[in-house]
Amino acid sequence: MADIFQRNYRCYGSRRMHATLARQSVTISEKVVRRLMKEERLVPLLRKRKRYGSYMGEIS
């Protein structure tokens, strides 16, 4: 799991990790994947999205 996590630039969460393992024919519960990731401290990087704002200055 740690190898998959590192190869994908530390961006995979538990759902994506579970799907990747399933594609590799590894049968494991999603909750187990979540627990193992927590134990190994495999936390994906969160990027904050910029919110849209149409304000362009004072109202004339």
PDB file of N, CA and C in Angstrom:
ATOM      1  N   MET A   1       0.818  -1.198   0.000  1.00  0.00           N
ATOM      2  CA  MET A   1       0.000   0.000   0.000  1.00  0.00           C
ATOM      3  C   MET A   1       0.860   1.259   0.000  1.00  0.00           C
ATOM      4  N   ALA A   2       1.926   1.240   0.786  1.00  0.00           N
ATOM      5  CA  ALA A   2       2.788   2.419   0.862  1.00  0.00           C
ATOM      6  C   ALA A   2       3.442   2.687  -0.493  1.00  0.00           C
ATOM      7  N   ASP A   3       3.780   1.604  -1.220  1.00  0.00           N
ATOM      8  CA  ASP A   3       4.394   1.758  -2.530  1.00  0.00           C
ATOM      9  C   ASP A   3       3.417   2.385  -3.529  1.00  0.00           C
ATOM     10  N   ILE A   4       2.178   1.915  -3.531  1.00  0.00           N
ATOM     11  CA  ILE A   4       1.141   2.490  -4.405  1.00  0.00           C
ATOM     12  C   ILE A   4       0.935   3.957  -4.073  1.00  0.00           C
ATOM     13  N   PHE A   5       0.896   4.262  -2.778  1.00  0.00           N
ATOM     14  CA  PHE A   5       0.686   5.631  -2.302  1.00  0.00           C
ATOM     15  C   PHE A   5       1.802   6.556  -2.790  1.00  0.00           C
ATOM     16  N   GLN A   6       3.059   6.094  -2.675  1.00  0.00           N
ATOM     17  CA  GLN A   6       4.203   6.913  -3.090  1.00  0.00           C
ATOM     18  C   GLN A   6       4.256   7.079  -4.607  1.00  0.00           C
ATOM     19  N   ARG A   7       3.953   6.014  -5.360  1.00  0.00           N
ATOM     20  CA  ARG A   7       4.003   6.091  -6.822  1.00  0.00           C
ATOM     21  C   ARG A   7       2.975   7.054  -7.387  1.00  0.00           C
ATOM     22  N   ASN A   8       1.911   7.306  -6.655  1.00  0.00           N
ATOM     23  CA  ASN A   8       0.852   8.193  -7.135  1.00  0.00           C
ATOM     24  C   ASN A   8       0.890   9.553  -6.444  1.00  0.00           C
ATOM     25  N   TYR A   9       2.094   9.989  -6.111  1.00  0.00           N
ATOM     26  CA  TYR A   9       2.342  11.347  -5.587  1.00  0.00           C
ATOM     27  C   TYR A   9       1.565  11.675  -4.319  1.00  0.00           C
ATOM     28  N   ARG A  10       1.339  10.670  -3.479  1.00  0.00           N
ATOM     29  CA  ARG A  10       0.686  10.832  -2.168  1.00  0.00           C
ATOM     30  C   ARG A  10      -0.710  11.458  -2.296  1.00  0.00           C
ATOM     31  N   CYS A  11      -1.425  11.114  -3.369  1.00  0.00           N
ATOM     32  CA  CYS A  11      -2.730  11.713  -3.619  1.00  0.00           C
ATOM     33  C   CYS A  11      -3.890  10.736  -3.432  1.00  0.00           C
ATOM     34  N   TYR A  12      -3.623   9.456  -3.248  1.00  0.00           N
ATOM     35  CA  TYR A  12      -4.689   8.468  -3.172  1.00  0.00           C
ATOM     36  C   TYR A  12      -5.265   8.382  -1.772  1.00  0.00           C
ATOM     37  N   GLY A  13      -6.585   8.503  -1.682  1.00  0.00           N
ATOM     38  CA  GLY A  13      -7.288   8.285  -0.433  1.00  0.00           C
ATOM     39  C   GLY A  13      -7.664   6.817  -0.304  1.00  0.00           C
ATOM     40  N   SER A  14      -8.446   6.489   0.709  1.00  0.00           N
ATOM     41  CA  SER A  14      -8.773   5.089   0.973  1.00  0.00           C
ATOM     42  C   SER A  14      -9.649   4.484  -0.118  1.00  0.00           C
ATOM     43  N   ARG A  15     -10.564   5.249  -0.682  1.00  0.00           N
ATOM     44  CA  ARG A  15     -11.437   4.710  -1.725  1.00  0.00           C
ATOM     45  C   ARG A  15     -10.657   4.361  -2.988  1.00  0.00           C
ATOM     46  N   ARG A  16      -9.800   5.266  -3.394  1.00  0.00           N
ATOM     47  CA  ARG A  16      -9.010   5.041  -4.596  1.00  0.00           C
ATOM     48  C   ARG A  16      -8.002   3.915  -4.370  1.00  0.00           C
ATOM     49  N   MET A  17      -7.445   3.865  -3.157  1.00  0.00           N
ATOM     50  CA  MET A  17      -6.501   2.807  -2.815  1.00  0.00           C
ATOM     51  C   MET A  17      -7.195   1.443  -2.870  1.00  0.00           C
ATOM     52  N   HIS A  18      -8.416   1.368  -2.354  1.00  0.00           N
ATOM     53  CA  HIS A  18      -9.196   0.132  -2.377  1.00  0.00           C
ATOM     54  C   HIS A  18      -9.460  -0.299  -3.816  1.00  0.00           C
ATOM     55  N   ALA A  19      -9.804   0.643  -4.681  1.00  0.00           N
ATOM     56  CA  ALA A  19     -10.061   0.331  -6.087  1.00  0.00           C
ATOM     57  C   ALA A  19      -8.795  -0.173  -6.778  1.00  0.00           C
ATOM     58  N   THR A  20      -7.651   0.429  -6.477  1.00  0.00           N
ATOM     59  CA  THR A  20      -6.386   0.009  -7.062  1.00  0.00           C
ATOM     60  C   THR A  20      -6.026  -1.403  -6.626  1.00  0.00           C
ATOM     61  N   LEU A  21      -6.218  -1.690  -5.350  1.00  0.00           N
ATOM     62  CA  LEU A  21      -5.934  -3.033  -4.840  1.00  0.00           C
ATOM     63  C   LEU A  21      -6.883  -4.058  -5.446  1.00  0.00           C
ATOM     64  N   ALA A  22      -8.144  -3.676  -5.653  1.00  0.00           N
ATOM     65  CA  ALA A  22      -9.119  -4.584  -6.255  1.00  0.00           C
ATOM     66  C   ALA A  22      -8.725  -4.911  -7.695  1.00  0.00           C
ATOM     67  N   ARG A  23      -8.191  -3.923  -8.430  1.00  0.00           N
ATOM     68  CA  ARG A  23      -7.730  -4.160  -9.794  1.00  0.00           C
ATOM     69  C   ARG A  23      -6.544  -5.114  -9.830  1.00  0.00           C
ATOM     70  N   GLN A  24      -5.770  -5.147  -8.737  1.00  0.00           N
ATOM     71  CA  GLN A  24      -4.619  -6.044  -8.650  1.00  0.00           C
ATOM     72  C   GLN A  24      -5.007  -7.390  -8.038  1.00  0.00           C
ATOM     73  N   SER A  25      -6.304  -7.666  -7.944  1.00  0.00           N
ATOM     74  CA  SER A  25      -6.853  -8.924  -7.407  1.00  0.00           C
ATOM     75  C   SER A  25      -6.526  -9.141  -5.928  1.00  0.00           C
ATOM     76  N   VAL A  26      -6.482  -8.062  -5.162  1.00  0.00           N
ATOM     77  CA  VAL A  26      -6.302  -8.148  -3.719  1.00  0.00           C
ATOM     78  C   VAL A  26      -7.659  -7.911  -3.086  1.00  0.00           C
ATOM     79  N   THR A  27      -8.217  -8.956  -2.466  1.00  0.00           N
ATOM     80  CA  THR A  27      -9.539  -8.850  -1.844  1.00  0.00           C
ATOM     81  C   THR A  27      -9.363  -8.374  -0.412  1.00  0.00           C
ATOM     82  N   ILE A  28      -9.810  -7.159  -0.155  1.00  0.00           N
ATOM     83  CA  ILE A  28      -9.677  -6.560   1.177  1.00  0.00           C
ATOM     84  C   ILE A  28     -10.805  -5.553   1.353  1.00  0.00           C
ATOM     85  N   SER A  29     -11.311  -5.445   2.552  1.00  0.00           N
ATOM     86  CA  SER A  29     -12.419  -4.543   2.845  1.00  0.00           C
ATOM     87  C   SER A  29     -11.959  -3.092   2.791  1.00  0.00           C
ATOM     88  N   GLU A  30     -12.879  -2.205   2.429  1.00  0.00           N
ATOM     89  CA  GLU A  30     -12.538  -0.778   2.375  1.00  0.00           C
ATOM     90  C   GLU A  30     -12.229  -0.238   3.768  1.00  0.00           C
ATOM     91  N   LYS A  31     -12.908  -0.766   4.775  1.00  0.00           N
ATOM     92  CA  LYS A  31     -12.645  -0.325   6.153  1.00  0.00           C
ATOM     93  C   LYS A  31     -11.257  -0.759   6.610  1.00  0.00           C
ATOM     94  N   VAL A  32     -10.813  -1.935   6.167  1.00  0.00           N
ATOM     95  CA  VAL A  32      -9.473  -2.407   6.513  1.00  0.00           C
ATOM     96  C   VAL A  32      -8.430  -1.523   5.843  1.00  0.00           C
ATOM     97  N   VAL A  33      -8.678  -1.140   4.596  1.00  0.00           N
ATOM     98  CA  VAL A  33      -7.771  -0.240   3.878  1.00  0.00           C
ATOM     99  C   VAL A  33      -7.668   1.079   4.627  1.00  0.00           C
ATOM    100  N   ARG A  34      -8.808   1.599   5.059  1.00  0.00           N
ATOM    101  CA  ARG A  34      -8.828   2.865   5.795  1.00  0.00           C
ATOM    102  C   ARG A  34      -8.025   2.754   7.090  1.00  0.00           C
ATOM    103  N   ARG A  35      -8.204   1.633   7.809  1.00  0.00           N
ATOM    104  CA  ARG A  35      -7.498   1.435   9.070  1.00  0.00           C
ATOM    105  C   ARG A  35      -5.992   1.309   8.847  1.00  0.00           C
ATOM    106  N   LEU A  36      -5.586   0.539   7.836  1.00  0.00           N
ATOM    107  CA  LEU A  36      -4.163   0.354   7.557  1.00  0.00           C
ATOM    108  C   LEU A  36      -3.502   1.658   7.132  1.00  0.00           C
ATOM    109  N   MET A  37      -4.219   2.450   6.340  1.00  0.00           N
ATOM    110  CA  MET A  37      -3.670   3.746   5.940  1.00  0.00           C
ATOM    111  C   MET A  37      -3.487   4.656   7.143  1.00  0.00           C
ATOM    112  N   LYS A  38      -4.423   4.590   8.070  1.00  0.00           N
ATOM    113  CA  LYS A  38      -4.326   5.409   9.279  1.00  0.00           C
ATOM    114  C   LYS A  38      -3.147   4.959  10.136  1.00  0.00           C
ATOM    115  N   GLU A  39      -2.958   3.642  10.257  1.00  0.00           N
ATOM    116  CA  GLU A  39      -1.853   3.108  11.065  1.00  0.00           C
ATOM    117  C   GLU A  39      -0.497   3.468  10.462  1.00  0.00           C
ATOM    118  N   GLU A  40      -0.388   3.429   9.136  1.00  0.00           N
ATOM    119  CA  GLU A  40       0.872   3.735   8.463  1.00  0.00           C
ATOM    120  C   GLU A  40       1.043   5.225   8.181  1.00  0.00           C
ATOM    121  N   ARG A  41       0.077   6.024   8.606  1.00  0.00           N
ATOM    122  CA  ARG A  41       0.090   7.492   8.429  1.00  0.00           C
ATOM    123  C   ARG A  41       0.205   7.883   6.954  1.00  0.00           C
ATOM    124  N   LEU A  42      -0.598   7.228   6.119  1.00  0.00           N
ATOM    125  CA  LEU A  42      -0.645   7.551   4.692  1.00  0.00           C
ATOM    126  C   LEU A  42      -1.809   8.506   4.473  1.00  0.00           C
ATOM    127  N   VAL A  43      -1.531   9.783   4.637  1.00  0.00           N
ATOM    128  CA  VAL A  43      -2.567  10.812   4.530  1.00  0.00           C
ATOM    129  C   VAL A  43      -2.366  11.568   3.223  1.00  0.00           C
ATOM    130  N   PRO A  44      -3.391  11.604   2.362  1.00  0.00           N
ATOM    131  CA  PRO A  44      -3.226  12.318   1.089  1.00  0.00           C
ATOM    132  C   PRO A  44      -3.118  13.821   1.299  1.00  0.00           C
ATOM    133  N   LEU A  45      -2.414  14.487   0.378  1.00  0.00           N
ATOM    134  CA  LEU A  45      -2.278  15.935   0.427  1.00  0.00           C
ATOM    135  C   LEU A  45      -3.589  16.575  -0.002  1.00  0.00           C
ATOM    136  N   LEU A  46      -4.053  17.522   0.759  1.00  0.00           N
ATOM    137  CA  LEU A  46      -5.296  18.215   0.429  1.00  0.00           C
ATOM    138  C   LEU A  46      -4.950  19.580  -0.140  1.00  0.00           C
ATOM    139  N   ARG A  47      -5.471  19.858  -1.306  1.00  0.00           N
ATOM    140  CA  ARG A  47      -5.265  21.167  -1.912  1.00  0.00           C
ATOM    141  C   ARG A  47      -6.550  21.964  -1.760  1.00  0.00           C
ATOM    142  N   LYS A  48      -6.425  23.169  -1.249  1.00  0.00           N
ATOM    143  CA  LYS A  48      -7.591  24.007  -1.045  1.00  0.00           C
ATOM    144  C   LYS A  48      -8.032  24.612  -2.366  1.00  0.00           C
ATOM    145  N   ARG A  49      -9.300  24.449  -2.689  1.00  0.00           N
ATOM    146  CA  ARG A  49      -9.821  24.995  -3.938  1.00  0.00           C
ATOM    147  C   ARG A  49     -10.120  26.477  -3.786  1.00  0.00           C
ATOM    148  N   LYS A  50      -9.837  27.237  -4.826  1.00  0.00           N
ATOM    149  CA  LYS A  50     -10.130  28.660  -4.805  1.00  0.00           C
ATOM    150  C   LYS A  50     -11.597  28.859  -5.168  1.00  0.00           C
ATOM    151  N   ARG A  51     -12.303  29.581  -4.345  1.00  0.00           N
ATOM    152  CA  ARG A  51     -13.724  29.816  -4.590  1.00  0.00           C
ATOM    153  C   ARG A  51     -13.913  30.929  -5.609  1.00  0.00           C
ATOM    154  N   TYR A  52     -14.956  30.797  -6.406  1.00  0.00           N
ATOM    155  CA  TYR A  52     -15.263  31.795  -7.422  1.00  0.00           C
ATOM    156  C   TYR A  52     -15.898  33.015  -6.782  1.00  0.00           C
ATOM    157  N   GLY A  53     -15.450  34.185  -7.181  1.00  0.00           N
ATOM    158  CA  GLY A  53     -16.054  35.422  -6.704  1.00  0.00           C
ATOM    159  C   GLY A  53     -16.140  36.409  -7.863  1.00  0.00           C
ATOM    160  N   SER A  54     -17.330  36.912  -8.129  1.00  0.00           N
ATOM    161  CA  SER A  54     -17.509  37.804  -9.275  1.00  0.00           C
ATOM    162  C   SER A  54     -17.381  39.277  -8.891  1.00  0.00           C
ATOM    163  N   TYR A  55     -17.085  39.584  -7.636  1.00  0.00           N
ATOM    164  CA  TYR A  55     -16.978  40.957  -7.182  1.00  0.00           C
ATOM    165  C   TYR A  55     -15.803  41.651  -7.858  1.00  0.00           C
ATOM    166  N   MET A  56     -16.043  42.800  -8.489  1.00  0.00           N
ATOM    167  CA  MET A  56     -14.995  43.503  -9.216  1.00  0.00           C
ATOM    168  C   MET A  56     -14.729  44.893  -8.653  1.00  0.00           C
ATOM    169  N   GLY A  57     -15.260  45.216  -7.538  1.00  0.00           N
ATOM    170  CA  GLY A  57     -15.024  46.523  -6.962  1.00  0.00           C
ATOM    171  C   GLY A  57     -16.326  47.110  -6.428  1.00  0.00           C
ATOM    172  N   GLU A  58     -16.324  48.444  -6.259  1.00  0.00           N
ATOM    173  CA  GLU A  58     -17.514  49.104  -5.712  1.00  0.00           C
ATOM    174  C   GLU A  58     -18.660  49.129  -6.717  1.00  0.00           C
ATOM    175  N   ILE A  59     -19.860  49.086  -6.175  1.00  0.00           N
ATOM    176  CA  ILE A  59     -21.060  49.162  -7.017  1.00  0.00           C
ATOM    177  C   ILE A  59     -21.272  50.623  -7.383  1.00  0.00           C
ATOM    178  N   SER A  60     -21.433  50.916  -8.677  1.00  0.00           N
ATOM    179  CA  SER A  60     -21.569  52.301  -9.103  1.00  0.00           C
ATOM    180  C   SER A  60     -23.022  52.716  -9.178  1.00  0.00           C
TER     181      SER A  60
END
